[in-house]
Every structure is written in structure tokens, then in C-alpha cells.
């Protein structure tokens, strides 16, 4: 069975609470259920990790090196735009990585249009809402199959 790690950064756990016009009204538990249903449908093991702390995200990326993870889907949240430490952790080893964003960061505030993490990922998915996670799982299966 393939193993995919989904990492969610700061404030993703506040889905349904924060900026509903941007991120929608479904809460984080709804996202987790969508992901679990997709994992069951595709027969893949999916672990979801969320942290509001940069170091915890880096630690989880590093732990993935030796825990059987075959691909990482990451929504770094605000860290997308300035965390060279997360970028370096992602670049540390060669497994497929997909950066995902619920909103289209290219149409938002100027500072959100720059991603320091995307260049070390295989691709970036943005603006598909929570459904983007399901697209990312399908795409990741293409990379690791």
C-alpha cells in the first residue's frame, strides 16, 4: 500500500472559522473526512499532520524520510511565502512533493503571490478549494505508482 503524507500549516485547522469568503464554510473535520474517504476509495494510506509551528512541520518532513512516506502534499499556509527552513526540509530528499493552496494565491494580496516552497515541489495546485486535496492525492498516486 502506498503512503502519502499531507501536511497542513498554520491556521488550516481554523477552516470554517477564518475568512469564509476565501476558504469556505466547511470545517477542518470536513476536510479530514474528505481525505479519509478518498484514501479508502483509492486504497492508499494517507496521514494528515497539521501544525501552527514551523519547527514541528520541519520535524514531520524529516521524519517522513524514514517512515515509509512515498510522497508529500503540503499546504504550508503563510509559511509558503517566507519559510526557507521548510523549503530546505522539502528539498532535503527526493520524493514527490505537491504544494497545495485552497485559494488561488496568484489573485490575492501581493505578498501571497510568491512561494518559496513551490520551486522544490513537483507541482502546485491552487484555487480548487478543499477539492484540491483530492486532486493532489490523485496526482500523487501518478507520481508514486
N, C-alpha and C. Protein backbone atom coordinates (compact mmCIF):
# COMPACT_ATOMS: atom_id res chain seq x y z
N UNK A 1 0.84 -1.18 0.00
CA UNK A 1 0.00 0.00 0.00
C UNK A 1 0.88 1.24 0.00
N UNK A 2 0.55 2.19 -0.87
CA UNK A 2 1.29 3.44 -0.92
C UNK A 2 0.97 4.32 0.28
N UNK A 3 1.95 5.15 0.69
CA UNK A 3 1.77 6.03 1.83
C UNK A 3 2.05 7.48 1.43
N UNK A 4 1.03 8.31 1.64
CA UNK A 4 1.13 9.74 1.35
C UNK A 4 0.97 10.51 2.66
N UNK A 5 1.78 11.52 2.82
CA UNK A 5 1.69 12.42 3.97
C UNK A 5 1.13 13.75 3.50
N UNK A 6 0.08 14.21 4.16
CA UNK A 6 -0.47 15.55 3.90
C UNK A 6 -0.14 16.41 5.10
N UNK A 7 0.54 17.51 4.85
CA UNK A 7 0.93 18.45 5.90
C UNK A 7 0.16 19.75 5.71
N UNK A 8 -0.50 20.19 6.76
CA UNK A 8 -1.19 21.47 6.76
C UNK A 8 -0.54 22.39 7.76
N UNK A 9 -0.23 23.59 7.30
CA UNK A 9 0.44 24.57 8.14
C UNK A 9 -0.52 25.43 8.94
N UNK A 10 -0.05 26.60 9.34
CA UNK A 10 -0.77 27.47 10.25
C UNK A 10 -2.17 27.84 9.77
N UNK A 11 -3.09 27.80 10.71
CA UNK A 11 -4.46 28.26 10.56
C UNK A 11 -5.35 27.38 9.68
N UNK A 12 -4.79 26.34 9.07
CA UNK A 12 -5.63 25.45 8.28
C UNK A 12 -6.64 24.75 9.19
N UNK A 13 -6.26 24.52 10.43
CA UNK A 13 -7.19 23.92 11.40
C UNK A 13 -8.37 24.84 11.72
N UNK A 14 -8.32 26.09 11.29
CA UNK A 14 -9.41 27.04 11.52
C UNK A 14 -10.34 27.18 10.31
N UNK A 15 -10.30 26.20 9.41
CA UNK A 15 -11.24 26.21 8.29
C UNK A 15 -12.66 26.28 8.84
N UNK A 16 -13.51 27.02 8.14
CA UNK A 16 -14.89 27.18 8.58
C UNK A 16 -15.05 28.29 9.59
N UNK A 17 -13.95 28.78 10.12
CA UNK A 17 -13.97 29.87 11.10
C UNK A 17 -13.35 31.11 10.47
N UNK A 18 -12.20 30.94 9.84
CA UNK A 18 -11.45 32.08 9.31
C UNK A 18 -11.86 32.42 7.87
N UNK A 19 -11.96 33.66 7.57
CA UNK A 19 -12.17 34.17 6.21
C UNK A 19 -13.01 33.24 5.33
N UNK A 20 -14.25 33.07 5.69
CA UNK A 20 -15.14 32.13 4.99
C UNK A 20 -15.30 32.47 3.52
N UNK A 21 -15.21 33.74 3.17
CA UNK A 21 -15.33 34.14 1.76
C UNK A 21 -14.15 33.62 0.94
N UNK A 22 -13.03 33.39 1.60
CA UNK A 22 -11.83 32.90 0.91
C UNK A 22 -11.72 31.39 0.99
N UNK A 23 -11.95 30.83 2.20
CA UNK A 23 -11.68 29.42 2.45
C UNK A 23 -12.92 28.55 2.56
N UNK A 24 -14.11 29.14 2.50
CA UNK A 24 -15.34 28.37 2.54
C UNK A 24 -15.84 28.15 3.96
N UNK A 25 -16.95 27.43 4.05
CA UNK A 25 -17.62 27.24 5.34
C UNK A 25 -17.40 25.85 5.92
N UNK A 26 -16.83 24.93 5.15
CA UNK A 26 -16.55 23.59 5.69
C UNK A 26 -15.41 23.68 6.69
N UNK A 27 -15.53 22.93 7.79
CA UNK A 27 -14.51 22.99 8.82
C UNK A 27 -13.41 21.96 8.57
N UNK A 28 -12.41 21.97 9.44
CA UNK A 28 -11.25 21.09 9.28
C UNK A 28 -11.64 19.62 9.35
N UNK A 29 -12.60 19.30 10.20
CA UNK A 29 -13.07 17.91 10.28
C UNK A 29 -13.68 17.45 8.96
N UNK A 30 -14.37 18.35 8.27
CA UNK A 30 -14.93 18.01 6.96
C UNK A 30 -13.81 17.70 5.97
N UNK A 31 -12.73 18.48 6.02
CA UNK A 31 -11.58 18.21 5.16
C UNK A 31 -10.98 16.85 5.49
N UNK A 32 -10.81 16.56 6.77
CA UNK A 32 -10.24 15.27 7.17
C UNK A 32 -11.11 14.11 6.69
N UNK A 33 -12.43 14.27 6.75
CA UNK A 33 -13.33 13.23 6.27
C UNK A 33 -13.21 13.04 4.76
N UNK A 34 -13.14 14.16 4.03
CA UNK A 34 -12.95 14.07 2.57
C UNK A 34 -11.68 13.28 2.23
N UNK A 35 -10.61 13.58 2.94
CA UNK A 35 -9.33 12.92 2.70
C UNK A 35 -9.42 11.44 3.06
N UNK A 36 -10.03 11.13 4.19
CA UNK A 36 -10.17 9.72 4.62
C UNK A 36 -11.01 8.94 3.62
N UNK A 37 -12.08 9.54 3.12
CA UNK A 37 -12.93 8.87 2.12
C UNK A 37 -12.14 8.62 0.83
N UNK A 38 -11.34 9.60 0.42
CA UNK A 38 -10.52 9.46 -0.80
C UNK A 38 -9.47 8.36 -0.59
N UNK A 39 -8.87 8.31 0.58
CA UNK A 39 -7.87 7.28 0.87
C UNK A 39 -8.51 5.90 0.77
N UNK A 40 -9.70 5.74 1.35
CA UNK A 40 -10.39 4.45 1.30
C UNK A 40 -10.75 4.09 -0.14
N UNK A 41 -11.19 5.06 -0.91
CA UNK A 41 -11.58 4.84 -2.30
C UNK A 41 -10.40 4.41 -3.16
N UNK A 42 -9.23 4.99 -2.90
CA UNK A 42 -8.05 4.72 -3.74
C UNK A 42 -7.16 3.64 -3.16
N UNK A 43 -7.42 3.20 -1.93
CA UNK A 43 -6.60 2.16 -1.33
C UNK A 43 -5.21 2.61 -0.97
N UNK A 44 -5.07 3.87 -0.61
CA UNK A 44 -3.77 4.42 -0.23
C UNK A 44 -3.82 4.81 1.25
N UNK A 45 -2.68 4.68 1.92
CA UNK A 45 -2.58 5.15 3.30
C UNK A 45 -2.27 6.64 3.27
N UNK A 46 -3.10 7.44 3.90
CA UNK A 46 -2.89 8.88 3.96
C UNK A 46 -2.84 9.31 5.42
N UNK A 47 -1.74 9.92 5.79
CA UNK A 47 -1.61 10.51 7.12
C UNK A 47 -1.72 12.02 6.96
N UNK A 48 -2.53 12.63 7.82
CA UNK A 48 -2.66 14.09 7.81
C UNK A 48 -2.03 14.64 9.08
N UNK A 49 -1.17 15.63 8.90
CA UNK A 49 -0.49 16.28 10.01
C UNK A 49 -0.74 17.78 9.89
N UNK A 50 -1.09 18.43 10.99
CA UNK A 50 -1.30 19.88 10.98
C UNK A 50 -0.55 20.48 12.15
N UNK A 51 0.11 21.59 11.90
CA UNK A 51 0.75 22.33 12.98
C UNK A 51 0.79 23.81 12.64
N UNK A 52 0.69 24.62 13.69
CA UNK A 52 0.86 26.06 13.55
C UNK A 52 2.31 26.47 13.81
N UNK A 53 3.19 25.48 13.98
CA UNK A 53 4.58 25.74 14.37
C UNK A 53 5.55 25.27 13.29
N UNK A 54 6.39 26.17 12.85
CA UNK A 54 7.34 25.89 11.78
C UNK A 54 8.24 24.70 12.09
N UNK A 55 8.78 24.66 13.29
CA UNK A 55 9.69 23.58 13.66
C UNK A 55 9.02 22.22 13.64
N UNK A 56 7.76 22.16 14.07
CA UNK A 56 7.03 20.89 14.06
C UNK A 56 6.81 20.41 12.62
N UNK A 57 6.56 21.33 11.72
CA UNK A 57 6.39 20.97 10.31
C UNK A 57 7.71 20.43 9.75
N UNK A 58 8.79 21.09 10.07
CA UNK A 58 10.11 20.62 9.61
C UNK A 58 10.41 19.25 10.19
N UNK A 59 10.14 19.06 11.47
CA UNK A 59 10.37 17.75 12.09
C UNK A 59 9.56 16.67 11.38
N UNK A 60 8.31 16.96 11.02
CA UNK A 60 7.48 15.94 10.37
C UNK A 60 7.99 15.63 8.97
N UNK A 61 8.44 16.64 8.25
CA UNK A 61 9.04 16.41 6.93
C UNK A 61 10.27 15.52 7.07
N UNK A 62 11.10 15.81 8.06
CA UNK A 62 12.30 15.00 8.26
C UNK A 62 11.96 13.57 8.69
N UNK A 63 10.96 13.42 9.53
CA UNK A 63 10.54 12.07 9.96
C UNK A 63 10.05 11.25 8.77
N UNK A 64 9.47 11.92 7.78
CA UNK A 64 8.95 11.21 6.60
C UNK A 64 10.06 10.50 5.83
N UNK A 65 11.29 10.95 6.01
CA UNK A 65 12.42 10.34 5.32
C UNK A 65 12.54 8.85 5.62
N UNK A 66 12.21 8.47 6.85
CA UNK A 66 12.44 7.08 7.26
C UNK A 66 11.18 6.34 7.70
N UNK A 67 10.00 6.90 7.47
CA UNK A 67 8.79 6.23 7.95
C UNK A 67 7.95 5.59 6.84
N UNK A 68 8.52 5.49 5.65
CA UNK A 68 7.80 4.85 4.56
C UNK A 68 6.97 5.78 3.70
N UNK A 69 6.99 7.07 4.00
CA UNK A 69 6.26 8.04 3.19
C UNK A 69 6.84 8.06 1.78
N UNK A 70 5.94 7.96 0.79
CA UNK A 70 6.37 7.95 -0.61
C UNK A 70 6.14 9.29 -1.31
N UNK A 71 5.30 10.14 -0.74
CA UNK A 71 5.03 11.45 -1.32
C UNK A 71 4.42 12.38 -0.29
N UNK A 72 4.70 13.66 -0.44
CA UNK A 72 4.19 14.68 0.49
C UNK A 72 3.33 15.68 -0.27
N UNK A 73 2.13 15.91 0.26
CA UNK A 73 1.27 17.00 -0.18
C UNK A 73 1.31 18.02 0.95
N UNK A 74 1.67 19.26 0.63
CA UNK A 74 1.83 20.26 1.70
C UNK A 74 1.11 21.55 1.37
N UNK A 75 0.33 22.01 2.35
CA UNK A 75 -0.22 23.35 2.34
C UNK A 75 0.51 24.09 3.46
N UNK A 76 1.58 24.81 3.11
CA UNK A 76 2.38 25.46 4.15
C UNK A 76 1.70 26.66 4.79
N UNK A 77 0.51 27.03 4.32
CA UNK A 77 -0.14 28.23 4.85
C UNK A 77 0.75 29.44 4.61
N UNK A 78 0.78 30.34 5.56
CA UNK A 78 1.57 31.57 5.41
C UNK A 78 3.07 31.28 5.27
N UNK A 79 3.53 30.12 5.75
CA UNK A 79 4.94 29.78 5.60
C UNK A 79 5.35 29.65 4.14
N UNK A 80 4.38 29.46 3.26
CA UNK A 80 4.63 29.39 1.82
C UNK A 80 5.50 30.55 1.36
N UNK A 81 5.25 31.71 1.93
CA UNK A 81 5.79 32.94 1.39
C UNK A 81 7.14 33.36 1.96
N UNK A 82 7.57 32.66 3.02
CA UNK A 82 8.83 33.11 3.61
C UNK A 82 9.64 32.05 4.34
N UNK A 83 9.16 30.81 4.44
CA UNK A 83 9.90 29.85 5.24
C UNK A 83 10.94 29.09 4.40
N UNK A 84 12.13 29.64 4.39
CA UNK A 84 13.23 28.95 3.72
C UNK A 84 13.60 27.68 4.47
N UNK A 85 13.29 27.63 5.76
CA UNK A 85 13.57 26.42 6.55
C UNK A 85 12.68 25.26 6.10
N UNK A 86 11.40 25.51 5.87
CA UNK A 86 10.52 24.46 5.34
C UNK A 86 10.92 24.12 3.92
N UNK A 87 11.27 25.11 3.14
CA UNK A 87 11.75 24.87 1.76
C UNK A 87 12.96 23.94 1.78
N UNK A 88 13.91 24.21 2.65
CA UNK A 88 15.11 23.38 2.72
C UNK A 88 14.79 21.97 3.18
N UNK A 89 13.86 21.83 4.12
CA UNK A 89 13.46 20.49 4.58
C UNK A 89 12.83 19.71 3.42
N UNK A 90 11.98 20.36 2.65
CA UNK A 90 11.36 19.69 1.49
C UNK A 90 12.40 19.30 0.45
N UNK A 91 13.41 20.13 0.29
CA UNK A 91 14.45 19.87 -0.72
C UNK A 91 15.46 18.82 -0.26
N UNK A 92 15.39 18.40 0.99
CA UNK A 92 16.42 17.54 1.56
C UNK A 92 16.51 16.17 0.92
N UNK A 93 15.40 15.65 0.45
CA UNK A 93 15.45 14.33 -0.17
C UNK A 93 14.45 14.24 -1.30
N UNK A 94 14.65 13.22 -2.13
CA UNK A 94 13.99 13.16 -3.42
C UNK A 94 12.79 12.22 -3.41
N UNK A 95 11.64 12.72 -2.94
CA UNK A 95 10.37 12.05 -3.14
C UNK A 95 9.44 13.08 -3.76
N UNK A 96 8.38 12.64 -4.41
CA UNK A 96 7.46 13.63 -5.00
C UNK A 96 6.81 14.50 -3.93
N UNK A 97 6.65 15.77 -4.26
CA UNK A 97 6.04 16.73 -3.36
C UNK A 97 5.09 17.62 -4.17
N UNK A 98 3.91 17.86 -3.64
CA UNK A 98 2.94 18.75 -4.27
C UNK A 98 2.56 19.82 -3.26
N UNK A 99 2.68 21.09 -3.67
CA UNK A 99 2.22 22.19 -2.84
C UNK A 99 0.77 22.48 -3.20
N UNK A 100 -0.06 22.69 -2.19
CA UNK A 100 -1.47 22.94 -2.42
C UNK A 100 -1.92 24.18 -1.67
N UNK A 101 -2.85 24.91 -2.29
CA UNK A 101 -3.48 26.06 -1.66
C UNK A 101 -4.97 26.03 -1.96
N UNK A 102 -5.78 26.28 -0.95
CA UNK A 102 -7.23 26.26 -1.09
C UNK A 102 -7.68 27.41 -2.01
N UNK A 103 -7.10 28.58 -1.80
CA UNK A 103 -7.43 29.74 -2.64
C UNK A 103 -6.40 29.85 -3.77
N UNK A 104 -6.69 30.73 -4.72
CA UNK A 104 -5.73 31.00 -5.79
C UNK A 104 -4.81 32.12 -5.31
N UNK A 105 -3.64 31.73 -4.84
CA UNK A 105 -2.74 32.72 -4.25
C UNK A 105 -2.27 33.77 -5.26
N UNK A 106 -2.37 33.47 -6.55
CA UNK A 106 -1.95 34.43 -7.56
C UNK A 106 -2.94 35.58 -7.74
N UNK A 107 -4.12 35.45 -7.20
CA UNK A 107 -5.12 36.51 -7.35
C UNK A 107 -5.37 37.25 -6.03
N UNK A 108 -4.57 36.95 -5.04
CA UNK A 108 -4.75 37.56 -3.72
C UNK A 108 -3.71 38.67 -3.49
N UNK A 109 -3.46 39.01 -2.23
CA UNK A 109 -2.53 40.08 -1.92
C UNK A 109 -1.16 39.79 -2.54
N UNK A 110 -0.46 40.85 -2.82
CA UNK A 110 0.84 40.74 -3.49
C UNK A 110 1.79 39.78 -2.77
N UNK A 111 1.87 39.85 -1.45
CA UNK A 111 2.81 39.00 -0.71
C UNK A 111 2.50 37.52 -0.86
N UNK A 112 1.22 37.18 -1.13
CA UNK A 112 0.83 35.77 -1.27
C UNK A 112 1.21 35.19 -2.64
N UNK A 113 1.60 36.01 -3.55
CA UNK A 113 1.89 35.54 -4.91
C UNK A 113 3.26 34.90 -5.04
N UNK A 114 4.08 35.02 -4.01
CA UNK A 114 5.42 34.43 -4.02
C UNK A 114 5.41 33.18 -3.15
N UNK A 115 5.88 32.08 -3.70
CA UNK A 115 6.04 30.86 -2.93
C UNK A 115 7.51 30.47 -2.94
N UNK A 116 8.10 30.39 -1.75
CA UNK A 116 9.49 29.94 -1.67
C UNK A 116 9.56 28.42 -1.63
N UNK A 117 8.43 27.76 -1.39
CA UNK A 117 8.41 26.30 -1.30
C UNK A 117 8.07 25.62 -2.63
N UNK A 118 7.32 26.27 -3.49
CA UNK A 118 6.91 25.66 -4.76
C UNK A 118 8.09 25.20 -5.63
N UNK A 119 9.19 25.95 -5.69
CA UNK A 119 10.29 25.53 -6.56
C UNK A 119 10.91 24.17 -6.20
N UNK A 120 10.70 23.68 -4.97
CA UNK A 120 11.24 22.37 -4.60
C UNK A 120 10.15 21.29 -4.61
N UNK A 121 8.98 21.64 -5.14
CA UNK A 121 7.89 20.69 -5.29
C UNK A 121 7.71 20.34 -6.77
N UNK A 122 7.11 19.19 -7.02
CA UNK A 122 6.89 18.76 -8.40
C UNK A 122 5.85 19.63 -9.09
N UNK A 123 4.87 20.09 -8.33
CA UNK A 123 3.85 20.97 -8.89
C UNK A 123 3.11 21.68 -7.78
N UNK A 124 2.28 22.64 -8.20
CA UNK A 124 1.49 23.43 -7.27
C UNK A 124 0.03 23.39 -7.72
N UNK A 125 -0.87 23.15 -6.78
CA UNK A 125 -2.31 23.16 -7.04
C UNK A 125 -2.88 24.31 -6.23
N UNK A 126 -3.69 25.15 -6.87
CA UNK A 126 -4.24 26.30 -6.14
C UNK A 126 -5.62 26.66 -6.68
N UNK A 127 -6.44 27.17 -5.77
CA UNK A 127 -7.73 27.71 -6.17
C UNK A 127 -8.84 26.72 -6.41
N UNK A 128 -8.67 25.47 -6.00
CA UNK A 128 -9.71 24.46 -6.21
C UNK A 128 -10.51 24.20 -4.93
N UNK A 129 -10.31 25.02 -3.91
CA UNK A 129 -10.98 24.80 -2.64
C UNK A 129 -10.48 23.51 -2.01
N UNK A 130 -11.30 22.94 -1.15
CA UNK A 130 -10.89 21.71 -0.47
C UNK A 130 -10.76 20.55 -1.45
N UNK A 131 -11.46 20.61 -2.57
CA UNK A 131 -11.36 19.57 -3.59
C UNK A 131 -9.93 19.43 -4.12
N UNK A 132 -9.14 20.49 -3.99
CA UNK A 132 -7.75 20.44 -4.42
C UNK A 132 -6.96 19.34 -3.73
N UNK A 133 -7.32 19.03 -2.49
CA UNK A 133 -6.65 17.94 -1.78
C UNK A 133 -6.89 16.60 -2.46
N UNK A 134 -8.12 16.40 -2.96
CA UNK A 134 -8.45 15.15 -3.64
C UNK A 134 -7.71 15.06 -4.97
N UNK A 135 -7.62 16.18 -5.67
CA UNK A 135 -6.84 16.24 -6.91
C UNK A 135 -5.38 15.93 -6.62
N UNK A 136 -4.87 16.48 -5.52
CA UNK A 136 -3.47 16.26 -5.15
C UNK A 136 -3.20 14.79 -4.86
N UNK A 137 -4.13 14.11 -4.20
CA UNK A 137 -3.96 12.68 -3.92
C UNK A 137 -3.89 11.91 -5.23
N UNK A 138 -4.79 12.20 -6.16
CA UNK A 138 -4.76 11.53 -7.46
C UNK A 138 -3.46 11.79 -8.19
N UNK A 139 -3.02 13.03 -8.20
CA UNK A 139 -1.77 13.36 -8.89
C UNK A 139 -0.58 12.67 -8.21
N UNK A 140 -0.59 12.64 -6.87
CA UNK A 140 0.50 12.00 -6.15
C UNK A 140 0.55 10.52 -6.48
N UNK A 141 -0.60 9.88 -6.59
CA UNK A 141 -0.62 8.45 -6.96
C UNK A 141 0.01 8.25 -8.32
N UNK A 142 -0.17 9.21 -9.21
CA UNK A 142 0.51 9.14 -10.50
C UNK A 142 2.01 9.19 -10.38
N UNK A 143 2.51 9.99 -9.46
CA UNK A 143 3.96 10.09 -9.25
C UNK A 143 4.54 8.82 -8.62
N UNK A 144 3.82 8.22 -7.68
CA UNK A 144 4.43 7.13 -6.90
C UNK A 144 4.06 5.75 -7.41
N UNK A 145 3.12 5.66 -8.34
CA UNK A 145 2.73 4.34 -8.86
C UNK A 145 3.71 3.82 -9.89
